[in-house]
Amino acid sequence: AISVFSICISIIFSTGESLMMQVLQGPMDVCVGLAVGSLWGIVSGLTPHLDDEQIVWKRVVMVGGAGLCAVLGSSYIGFPGAGPLIAITAAFVAAIVWKLQGGAPATNAVEEVFSSIWLVMQPVLFGLIGAEIDLRQLELEIVTWGVIIIAAALVIRVLTCSLVLVGGKLNFKEVVFVNLAWLPKATVQAALAPQALDMVRKMTAPPPEDLERGSQFLTIAVLSILITAPLGAIGASVAGPRLLSKHSSNTSSPNTNSTRQPDHNL
């Protein structure tokens, strides 16, 4: 999604590059992101030594610092969509290496540090995007069409999710719960939504219609957060105990497999 967004933004704000190069930018970002992220993930996973007294903080700095540098610096080297992918891939690969090495307490401590950081940064992220919205300038028509677009997108997401789960081991109630848990869309929208408006504002003489479109884009993104985040959270917490059940394993025969136990944190 991030790579496709980068392709669309680069095409809209193109500066003379050929359309082919703009289309190829997405796959190039993906390749660079996976390659660099995997390499740095291996490095972060192997260093520092397991006996290092500061292993937790060094791992946090290596993974978190590299991710921050990748996101902020990727646009300067011509691969704007690679930065977020580098951050995600590096953390994923590093976690795998840490698991293979053992040392679960240190790995869990790293996760706790990032969880604490996210508790602080999450309201900052959503506060910044909320500050961009001027309620006095909201038009009823834009809000109405935005809600219609979001509703149509949610229908497509539900149908896609249900289609993917067809033939699986989940029953109907569990499929419904997965759909509810999959509804929230907030973090990526909050991070990417202001980019279009920011790029318009950086123009020497931004056209008024482009400023309006950028503002509308941001407004719809905020609406998606306001609609889907509480809808998914409330739906999952309320419907979870009713849709999911924990079955006890069948111990009557040693050759009988344990009954599946659905995870409430899908």
C-alpha atoms as a PDB file:
ATOM      1  CA  ALA A   1       0.000   0.000   0.000  1.00  0.00           C
ATOM      2  CA  ILE A   2       2.821   2.403   0.833  1.00  0.00           C
ATOM      3  CA  SER A   3       4.581   1.672  -2.457  1.00  0.00           C
ATOM      4  CA  VAL A   4       1.377   2.161  -4.486  1.00  0.00           C
ATOM      5  CA  PHE A   5       0.761   5.424  -2.642  1.00  0.00           C
ATOM      6  CA  SER A   6       4.289   6.558  -3.502  1.00  0.00           C
ATOM      7  CA  ILE A   7       3.732   5.709  -7.182  1.00  0.00           C
ATOM      8  CA  CYS A   8       0.491   7.704  -7.296  1.00  0.00           C
ATOM      9  CA  ILE A   9       2.050  10.678  -5.532  1.00  0.00           C
ATOM     10  CA  SER A  10       5.081  10.644  -7.832  1.00  0.00           C
ATOM     11  CA  ILE A  11       2.847  10.530 -10.924  1.00  0.00           C
ATOM     12  CA  ILE A  12       0.659  13.383  -9.667  1.00  0.00           C
ATOM     13  CA  PHE A  13       3.615  15.568  -8.727  1.00  0.00           C
ATOM     14  CA  SER A  14       5.875  14.442 -11.584  1.00  0.00           C
ATOM     15  CA  THR A  15       8.694  16.771 -12.593  1.00  0.00           C
ATOM     16  CA  GLY A  16       9.315  15.598 -16.133  1.00  0.00           C
ATOM     17  CA  GLU A  17      10.258  11.943 -15.622  1.00  0.00           C
ATOM     18  CA  SER A  18       8.807   9.396 -18.015  1.00  0.00           C
ATOM     19  CA  LEU A  19       5.684   7.518 -16.981  1.00  0.00           C
ATOM     20  CA  MET A  20       7.566   4.214 -17.261  1.00  0.00           C
ATOM     21  CA  MET A  21      10.171   5.331 -14.723  1.00  0.00           C
ATOM     22  CA  GLN A  22       7.438   6.491 -12.383  1.00  0.00           C
ATOM     23  CA  VAL A  23       5.669   3.116 -12.626  1.00  0.00           C
ATOM     24  CA  LEU A  24       8.947   1.240 -12.091  1.00  0.00           C
ATOM     25  CA  GLN A  25       9.667   3.342  -9.019  1.00  0.00           C
ATOM     26  CA  GLY A  26       7.281   1.227  -6.934  1.00  0.00           C
ATOM     27  CA  PRO A  27       8.898  -2.178  -7.632  1.00  0.00           C
ATOM     28  CA  MET A  28      12.328  -0.591  -7.202  1.00  0.00           C
ATOM     29  CA  ASP A  29      11.288   0.774  -3.816  1.00  0.00           C
ATOM     30  CA  VAL A  30      10.058  -2.678  -2.794  1.00  0.00           C
ATOM     31  CA  CYS A  31      13.281  -4.401  -3.892  1.00  0.00           C
ATOM     32  CA  VAL A  32      15.502  -1.835  -2.184  1.00  0.00           C
ATOM     33  CA  GLY A  33      13.358  -1.916   0.957  1.00  0.00           C
ATOM     34  CA  LEU A  34      13.421  -5.710   1.237  1.00  0.00           C
ATOM     35  CA  ALA A  35      17.150  -5.982   0.474  1.00  0.00           C
ATOM     36  CA  VAL A  36      18.359  -3.223   2.787  1.00  0.00           C
ATOM     37  CA  GLY A  37      15.851  -4.124   5.495  1.00  0.00           C
ATOM     38  CA  SER A  38      16.851  -7.803   5.461  1.00  0.00           C
ATOM     39  CA  LEU A  39      20.555  -6.926   5.573  1.00  0.00           C
ATOM     40  CA  TRP A  40      20.167  -4.519   8.459  1.00  0.00           C
ATOM     41  CA  GLY A  41      17.853  -6.939  10.242  1.00  0.00           C
ATOM     42  CA  ILE A  42      20.560  -9.612  10.159  1.00  0.00           C
ATOM     43  CA  VAL A  43      23.163  -7.129  11.417  1.00  0.00           C
ATOM     44  CA  SER A  44      20.838  -5.967  14.200  1.00  0.00           C
ATOM     45  CA  GLY A  45      20.050  -9.562  15.092  1.00  0.00           C
ATOM     46  CA  LEU A  46      23.680 -10.628  15.409  1.00  0.00           C
ATOM     47  CA  THR A  47      24.929  -7.583  17.296  1.00  0.00           C
ATOM     48  CA  PRO A  48      25.482  -6.886  20.120  1.00  0.00           C
ATOM     49  CA  HIS A  49      26.634 -10.055  21.854  1.00  0.00           C
ATOM     50  CA  LEU A  50      24.079 -11.873  23.986  1.00  0.00           C
ATOM     51  CA  ASP A  51      26.234 -11.309  27.102  1.00  0.00           C
ATOM     52  CA  ASP A  52      26.284  -7.538  26.624  1.00  0.00           C
ATOM     53  CA  GLU A  53      24.797  -5.802  29.673  1.00  0.00           C
ATOM     54  CA  GLN A  54      23.222  -3.099  27.481  1.00  0.00           C
ATOM     55  CA  ILE A  55      21.864  -5.517  24.885  1.00  0.00           C
ATOM     56  CA  VAL A  56      18.271  -4.276  25.174  1.00  0.00           C
ATOM     57  CA  TRP A  57      19.028  -0.602  24.601  1.00  0.00           C
ATOM     58  CA  LYS A  58      21.536  -1.331  21.855  1.00  0.00           C
ATOM     59  CA  ARG A  59      18.947  -3.429  20.029  1.00  0.00           C
ATOM     60  CA  VAL A  60      16.386  -0.661  20.443  1.00  0.00           C
ATOM     61  CA  VAL A  61      18.789   1.918  19.017  1.00  0.00           C
ATOM     62  CA  MET A  62      19.875  -0.289  16.127  1.00  0.00           C
ATOM     63  CA  VAL A  63      16.373  -1.266  15.025  1.00  0.00           C
ATOM     64  CA  GLY A  64      14.545   1.927  15.952  1.00  0.00           C
ATOM     65  CA  GLY A  65      17.294   4.307  14.874  1.00  0.00           C
ATOM     66  CA  ALA A  66      17.775   2.553  11.556  1.00  0.00           C
ATOM     67  CA  GLY A  67      14.042   2.610  10.891  1.00  0.00           C
ATOM     68  CA  LEU A  68      13.849   6.331  11.667  1.00  0.00           C
ATOM     69  CA  CYS A  69      16.830   7.109   9.422  1.00  0.00           C
ATOM     70  CA  ALA A  70      15.369   4.976   6.627  1.00  0.00           C
ATOM     71  CA  VAL A  71      11.974   6.696   6.719  1.00  0.00           C
ATOM     72  CA  LEU A  72      13.434  10.204   6.877  1.00  0.00           C
ATOM     73  CA  GLY A  73      16.340   9.649   4.489  1.00  0.00           C
ATOM     74  CA  SER A  74      14.932   7.385   1.775  1.00  0.00           C
ATOM     75  CA  SER A  75      13.419  10.286  -0.179  1.00  0.00           C
ATOM     76  CA  TYR A  76      16.821  11.962  -0.414  1.00  0.00           C
ATOM     77  CA  ILE A  77      18.331   8.984  -2.242  1.00  0.00           C
ATOM     78  CA  GLY A  78      15.465   8.612  -4.704  1.00  0.00           C
ATOM     79  CA  PHE A  79      13.555   5.754  -3.037  1.00  0.00           C
ATOM     80  CA  PRO A  80      10.814   7.386  -0.932  1.00  0.00           C
ATOM     81  CA  GLY A  81       8.704   4.234  -0.678  1.00  0.00           C
ATOM     82  CA  ALA A  82      11.600   2.082   0.520  1.00  0.00           C
ATOM     83  CA  GLY A  83      11.990   3.765   3.911  1.00  0.00           C
ATOM     84  CA  PRO A  84       8.931   2.361   5.700  1.00  0.00           C
ATOM     85  CA  LEU A  85       9.541  -1.064   4.158  1.00  0.00           C
ATOM     86  CA  ILE A  86      13.142  -1.020   5.394  1.00  0.00           C
ATOM     87  CA  ALA A  87      11.933  -0.265   8.924  1.00  0.00           C
ATOM     88  CA  ILE A  88       9.344  -3.060   8.882  1.00  0.00           C
ATOM     89  CA  THR A  89      11.615  -5.655   7.252  1.00  0.00           C
ATOM     90  CA  ALA A  90      14.587  -4.896   9.507  1.00  0.00           C
ATOM     91  CA  ALA A  91      12.507  -5.308  12.667  1.00  0.00           C
ATOM     92  CA  PHE A  92      10.919  -8.520  11.339  1.00  0.00           C
ATOM     93  CA  VAL A  93      14.237 -10.127  10.349  1.00  0.00           C
ATOM     94  CA  ALA A  94      15.950  -9.013  13.562  1.00  0.00           C
ATOM     95  CA  ALA A  95      13.163 -10.573  15.648  1.00  0.00           C
ATOM     96  CA  ILE A  96      13.596 -13.869  13.787  1.00  0.00           C
ATOM     97  CA  VAL A  97      17.364 -13.846  14.398  1.00  0.00           C
ATOM     98  CA  TRP A  98      16.851 -13.041  18.086  1.00  0.00           C
ATOM     99  CA  LYS A  99      14.402 -15.928  18.386  1.00  0.00           C
ATOM    100  CA  LEU A 100      16.852 -18.338  16.761  1.00  0.00           C
ATOM    101  CA  GLN A 101      19.592 -17.210  19.149  1.00  0.00           C
ATOM    102  CA  GLY A 102      17.446 -17.627  22.239  1.00  0.00           C
ATOM    103  CA  GLY A 103      17.440 -14.965  24.909  1.00  0.00           C
ATOM    104  CA  ALA A 104      13.678 -14.474  25.099  1.00  0.00           C
ATOM    105  CA  PRO A 105      13.826 -12.071  28.107  1.00  0.00           C
ATOM    106  CA  ALA A 106      15.940  -9.575  26.153  1.00  0.00           C
ATOM    107  CA  THR A 107      13.671  -9.861  23.118  1.00  0.00           C
ATOM    108  CA  ASN A 108      10.583  -9.258  25.243  1.00  0.00           C
ATOM    109  CA  ALA A 109      12.289  -6.270  26.871  1.00  0.00           C
ATOM    110  CA  VAL A 110      12.925  -4.715  23.446  1.00  0.00           C
ATOM    111  CA  GLU A 111       9.247  -5.144  22.611  1.00  0.00           C
ATOM    112  CA  GLU A 112       8.267  -3.491  25.892  1.00  0.00           C
ATOM    113  CA  VAL A 113      10.505  -0.487  25.157  1.00  0.00           C
ATOM    114  CA  PHE A 114       8.932   0.039  21.736  1.00  0.00           C
ATOM    115  CA  SER A 115       5.463  -0.389  23.252  1.00  0.00           C
ATOM    116  CA  SER A 116       6.245   2.362  25.758  1.00  0.00           C
ATOM    117  CA  ILE A 117       7.546   4.631  22.982  1.00  0.00           C
ATOM    118  CA  TRP A 118       4.393   3.991  20.947  1.00  0.00           C
ATOM    119  CA  LEU A 119       2.198   4.973  23.902  1.00  0.00           C
ATOM    120  CA  VAL A 120       3.775   8.438  23.683  1.00  0.00           C
ATOM    121  CA  MET A 121       4.020   8.755  19.901  1.00  0.00           C
ATOM    122  CA  GLN A 122       0.541   7.466  19.042  1.00  0.00           C
ATOM    123  CA  PRO A 123      -1.366  10.478  20.430  1.00  0.00           C
ATOM    124  CA  VAL A 124       1.251  12.784  18.890  1.00  0.00           C
ATOM    125  CA  LEU A 125       0.688  11.228  15.459  1.00  0.00           C
ATOM    126  CA  PHE A 126      -3.081  11.486  15.593  1.00  0.00           C
ATOM    127  CA  GLY A 127      -2.910  14.905  17.231  1.00  0.00           C
ATOM    128  CA  LEU A 128      -0.831  16.287  14.366  1.00  0.00           C
ATOM    129  CA  ILE A 129      -3.209  15.057  11.687  1.00  0.00           C
ATOM    130  CA  GLY A 130      -6.203  16.273  13.673  1.00  0.00           C
ATOM    131  CA  ALA A 131      -4.660  19.740  13.919  1.00  0.00           C
ATOM    132  CA  GLU A 132      -4.665  19.965  10.118  1.00  0.00           C
ATOM    133  CA  ILE A 133      -8.458  19.793   9.978  1.00  0.00           C
ATOM    134  CA  ASP A 134     -10.389  23.046  10.243  1.00  0.00           C
ATOM    135  CA  LEU A 135     -13.961  22.136  11.157  1.00  0.00           C
ATOM    136  CA  ARG A 136     -15.159  25.569  10.085  1.00  0.00           C
ATOM    137  CA  GLN A 137     -14.142  24.852   6.495  1.00  0.00           C
ATOM    138  CA  LEU A 138     -15.696  21.392   6.235  1.00  0.00           C
ATOM    139  CA  GLU A 139     -18.353  21.122   3.556  1.00  0.00           C
ATOM    140  CA  LEU A 140     -21.308  18.794   4.003  1.00  0.00           C
ATOM    141  CA  GLU A 141     -20.976  17.528   0.434  1.00  0.00           C
ATOM    142  CA  ILE A 142     -17.330  16.526   0.929  1.00  0.00           C
ATOM    143  CA  VAL A 143     -18.127  14.779   4.211  1.00  0.00           C
ATOM    144  CA  THR A 144     -21.085  12.957   2.649  1.00  0.00           C
ATOM    145  CA  TRP A 145     -19.099  11.718  -0.329  1.00  0.00           C
ATOM    146  CA  GLY A 146     -16.238  10.795   1.975  1.00  0.00           C
ATOM    147  CA  VAL A 147     -18.511   8.618   4.108  1.00  0.00           C
ATOM    148  CA  ILE A 148     -19.924   6.975   0.958  1.00  0.00           C
ATOM    149  CA  ILE A 149     -16.418   6.234  -0.351  1.00  0.00           C
ATOM    150  CA  ILE A 150     -15.325   4.797   2.994  1.00  0.00           C
ATOM    151  CA  ALA A 151     -18.472   2.649   3.255  1.00  0.00           C
ATOM    152  CA  ALA A 152     -17.919   1.269  -0.253  1.00  0.00           C
ATOM    153  CA  ALA A 153     -14.286   0.505   0.571  1.00  0.00           C
ATOM    154  CA  LEU A 154     -15.304  -1.300   3.766  1.00  0.00           C
ATOM    155  CA  VAL A 155     -17.757  -3.452   1.815  1.00  0.00           C
ATOM    156  CA  ILE A 156     -14.973  -4.428  -0.580  1.00  0.00           C
ATOM    157  CA  ARG A 157     -12.642  -5.196   2.349  1.00  0.00           C
ATOM    158  CA  VAL A 158     -15.258  -7.413   4.025  1.00  0.00           C
ATOM    159  CA  LEU A 159     -15.954  -9.299   0.797  1.00  0.00           C
ATOM    160  CA  THR A 160     -12.231  -9.731   0.153  1.00  0.00           C
ATOM    161  CA  CYS A 161     -11.564 -10.953   3.687  1.00  0.00           C
ATOM    162  CA  SER A 162     -14.460 -13.418   3.523  1.00  0.00           C
ATOM    163  CA  LEU A 163     -13.302 -14.692   0.134  1.00  0.00           C
ATOM    164  CA  VAL A 164      -9.766 -15.239   1.407  1.00  0.00           C
ATOM    165  CA  LEU A 165     -11.058 -17.259   4.373  1.00  0.00           C
ATOM    166  CA  VAL A 166     -13.278 -19.507   2.237  1.00  0.00           C
ATOM    167  CA  GLY A 167     -12.105 -23.100   2.535  1.00  0.00           C
ATOM    168  CA  GLY A 168     -10.162 -22.432   5.717  1.00  0.00           C
ATOM    169  CA  LYS A 169     -10.631 -23.928   9.163  1.00  0.00           C
ATOM    170  CA  LEU A 170     -12.580 -20.999  10.599  1.00  0.00           C
ATOM    171  CA  ASN A 171     -16.317 -21.280  11.134  1.00  0.00           C
ATOM    172  CA  PHE A 172     -18.812 -18.560  10.227  1.00  0.00           C
ATOM    173  CA  LYS A 173     -18.640 -16.781  13.593  1.00  0.00           C
ATOM    174  CA  GLU A 174     -14.861 -16.671  13.471  1.00  0.00           C
ATOM    175  CA  VAL A 175     -14.957 -15.275   9.927  1.00  0.00           C
ATOM    176  CA  VAL A 176     -17.282 -12.514  11.140  1.00  0.00           C
ATOM    177  CA  PHE A 177     -14.873 -11.703  13.966  1.00  0.00           C
ATOM    178  CA  VAL A 178     -11.896 -11.533  11.601  1.00  0.00           C
ATOM    179  CA  ASN A 179     -13.832  -9.080   9.441  1.00  0.00           C
ATOM    180  CA  LEU A 180     -14.586  -6.916  12.483  1.00  0.00           C
ATOM    181  CA  ALA A 181     -10.974  -7.006  13.637  1.00  0.00           C
ATOM    182  CA  TRP A 182      -9.789  -6.088  10.130  1.00  0.00           C
ATOM    183  CA  LEU A 183     -11.956  -2.961   9.846  1.00  0.00           C
ATOM    184  CA  PRO A 184      -9.760  -0.414  11.680  1.00  0.00           C
ATOM    185  CA  LYS A 185      -7.534   1.676   9.420  1.00  0.00           C
ATOM    186  CA  ALA A 186      -5.772   4.480  11.232  1.00  0.00           C
ATOM    187  CA  THR A 187      -1.988   4.441  11.610  1.00  0.00           C
ATOM    188  CA  VAL A 188      -1.007   4.338   7.933  1.00  0.00           C
ATOM    189  CA  GLN A 189      -3.693   6.879   7.071  1.00  0.00           C
ATOM    190  CA  ALA A 190      -2.444   9.231   9.770  1.00  0.00           C
ATOM    191  CA  ALA A 191       1.133   8.931   8.522  1.00  0.00           C
ATOM    192  CA  LEU A 192       0.477   9.268   4.774  1.00  0.00           C
ATOM    193  CA  ALA A 193      -2.596  11.486   4.524  1.00  0.00           C
ATOM    194  CA  PRO A 194      -0.858  14.862   5.058  1.00  0.00           C
ATOM    195  CA  GLN A 195       1.817  14.183   2.419  1.00  0.00           C
ATOM    196  CA  ALA A 196      -0.226  15.297  -0.584  1.00  0.00           C
ATOM    197  CA  LEU A 197      -1.190  18.603   1.035  1.00  0.00           C
ATOM    198  CA  ASP A 198       2.384  19.164   2.236  1.00  0.00           C
ATOM    199  CA  MET A 199       3.756  18.632  -1.288  1.00  0.00           C
ATOM    200  CA  VAL A 200       1.268  21.139  -2.695  1.00  0.00           C
ATOM    201  CA  ARG A 201       2.229  23.696  -0.057  1.00  0.00           C
ATOM    202  CA  LYS A 202       5.907  23.305  -0.982  1.00  0.00           C
ATOM    203  CA  MET A 203       5.209  24.491  -4.532  1.00  0.00           C
ATOM    204  CA  THR A 204       6.343  27.989  -5.444  1.00  0.00           C
ATOM    205  CA  ALA A 205       2.835  29.071  -6.435  1.00  0.00           C
ATOM    206  CA  PRO A 206       0.408  26.302  -5.427  1.00  0.00           C
ATOM    207  CA  PRO A 207      -2.851  26.355  -7.436  1.00  0.00           C
ATOM    208  CA  PRO A 208      -5.905  26.920  -5.221  1.00  0.00           C
ATOM    209  CA  GLU A 209      -7.668  23.870  -6.681  1.00  0.00           C
ATOM    210  CA  ASP A 210      -4.726  21.637  -5.715  1.00  0.00           C
ATOM    211  CA  LEU A 211      -4.784  23.006  -2.181  1.00  0.00           C
ATOM    212  CA  GLU A 212      -8.486  22.206  -2.038  1.00  0.00           C
ATOM    213  CA  ARG A 213      -7.946  18.662  -3.331  1.00  0.00           C
ATOM    214  CA  GLY A 214      -5.164  18.081  -0.811  1.00  0.00           C
ATOM    215  CA  SER A 215      -7.419  19.298   1.977  1.00  0.00           C
ATOM    216  CA  GLN A 216     -10.247  17.032   0.783  1.00  0.00           C
ATOM    217  CA  PHE A 217      -7.870  14.073   0.675  1.00  0.00           C
ATOM    218  CA  LEU A 218      -6.799  14.777   4.252  1.00  0.00           C
ATOM    219  CA  THR A 219     -10.407  15.194   5.369  1.00  0.00           C
ATOM    220  CA  ILE A 220     -11.441  11.814   3.953  1.00  0.00           C
ATOM    221  CA  ALA A 221      -8.436  10.171   5.627  1.00  0.00           C
ATOM    222  CA  VAL A 222      -9.456  11.643   8.979  1.00  0.00           C
ATOM    223  CA  LEU A 223     -13.019  10.441   8.421  1.00  0.00           C
ATOM    224  CA  SER A 224     -11.726   6.920   7.779  1.00  0.00           C
ATOM    225  CA  ILE A 225      -9.874   7.028  11.087  1.00  0.00           C
ATOM    226  CA  LEU A 226     -12.870   8.376  12.996  1.00  0.00           C
ATOM    227  CA  ILE A 227     -15.205   5.767  11.488  1.00  0.00           C
ATOM    228  CA  THR A 228     -13.152   2.576  11.297  1.00  0.00           C
ATOM    229  CA  ALA A 229     -10.981   2.797  14.427  1.00  0.00           C
ATOM    230  CA  PRO A 230     -13.790   2.874  17.030  1.00  0.00           C
ATOM    231  CA  LEU A 231     -16.010   0.643  14.888  1.00  0.00           C
ATOM    232  CA  GLY A 232     -13.412  -2.116  14.740  1.00  0.00           C
ATOM    233  CA  ALA A 233     -12.290  -1.751  18.358  1.00  0.00           C
ATOM    234  CA  ILE A 234     -15.803  -1.771  19.801  1.00  0.00           C
ATOM    235  CA  GLY A 235     -16.972  -4.486  17.417  1.00  0.00           C
ATOM    236  CA  ALA A 236     -14.077  -6.801  18.260  1.00  0.00           C
ATOM    237  CA  SER A 237     -14.294  -6.273  22.027  1.00  0.00           C
ATOM    238  CA  VAL A 238     -18.072  -6.653  22.189  1.00  0.00           C
ATOM    239  CA  ALA A 239     -18.513  -9.406  19.614  1.00  0.00           C
ATOM    240  CA  GLY A 240     -15.357 -11.336  20.522  1.00  0.00           C
ATOM    241  CA  PRO A 241     -16.754 -13.189  23.559  1.00  0.00           C
ATOM    242  CA  ARG A 242     -19.938 -13.989  21.623  1.00  0.00           C
ATOM    243  CA  LEU A 243     -18.342 -15.090  18.355  1.00  0.00           C
ATOM    244  CA  LEU A 244     -15.304 -16.946  19.687  1.00  0.00           C
ATOM    245  CA  SER A 245     -15.226 -19.979  21.927  1.00  0.00           C
ATOM    246  CA  LYS A 246     -12.398 -21.945  23.476  1.00  0.00           C
ATOM    247  CA  HIS A 247     -12.791 -25.685  23.047  1.00  0.00           C
ATOM    248  CA  SER A 248     -11.150 -28.174  25.386  1.00  0.00           C
ATOM    249  CA  SER A 249      -8.902 -30.766  23.807  1.00  0.00           C
ATOM    250  CA  ASN A 250     -10.246 -34.267  23.320  1.00  0.00           C
ATOM    251  CA  THR A 251      -8.187 -36.601  25.448  1.00  0.00           C
ATOM    252  CA  SER A 252     -10.251 -39.776  24.947  1.00  0.00           C
ATOM    253  CA  SER A 253      -7.763 -41.158  22.460  1.00  0.00           C
ATOM    254  CA  PRO A 254      -4.025 -40.490  22.246  1.00  0.00           C
ATOM    255  CA  ASN A 255      -4.265 -40.431  18.454  1.00  0.00           C
ATOM    256  CA  THR A 256      -6.943 -37.723  18.416  1.00  0.00           C
ATOM    257  CA  ASN A 257      -5.674 -34.257  17.556  1.00  0.00           C
ATOM    258  CA  SER A 258      -6.478 -31.372  19.886  1.00  0.00           C
ATOM    259  CA  THR A 259      -9.507 -29.338  18.979  1.00  0.00           C
ATOM    260  CA  ARG A 260      -8.655 -25.971  17.461  1.00  0.00           C
ATOM    261  CA  GLN A 261      -8.612 -23.047  19.903  1.00  0.00           C
ATOM    262  CA  PRO A 262      -9.392 -19.753  18.185  1.00  0.00           C
ATOM    263  CA  ASP A 263      -7.196 -16.839  19.218  1.00  0.00           C
ATOM    264  CA  HIS A 264      -9.138 -13.913  20.702  1.00  0.00           C
ATOM    265  CA  ASN A 265      -6.381 -11.554  19.553  1.00  0.00           C
ATOM    266  CA  LEU A 266      -6.814 -12.138  15.807  1.00  0.00           C
END
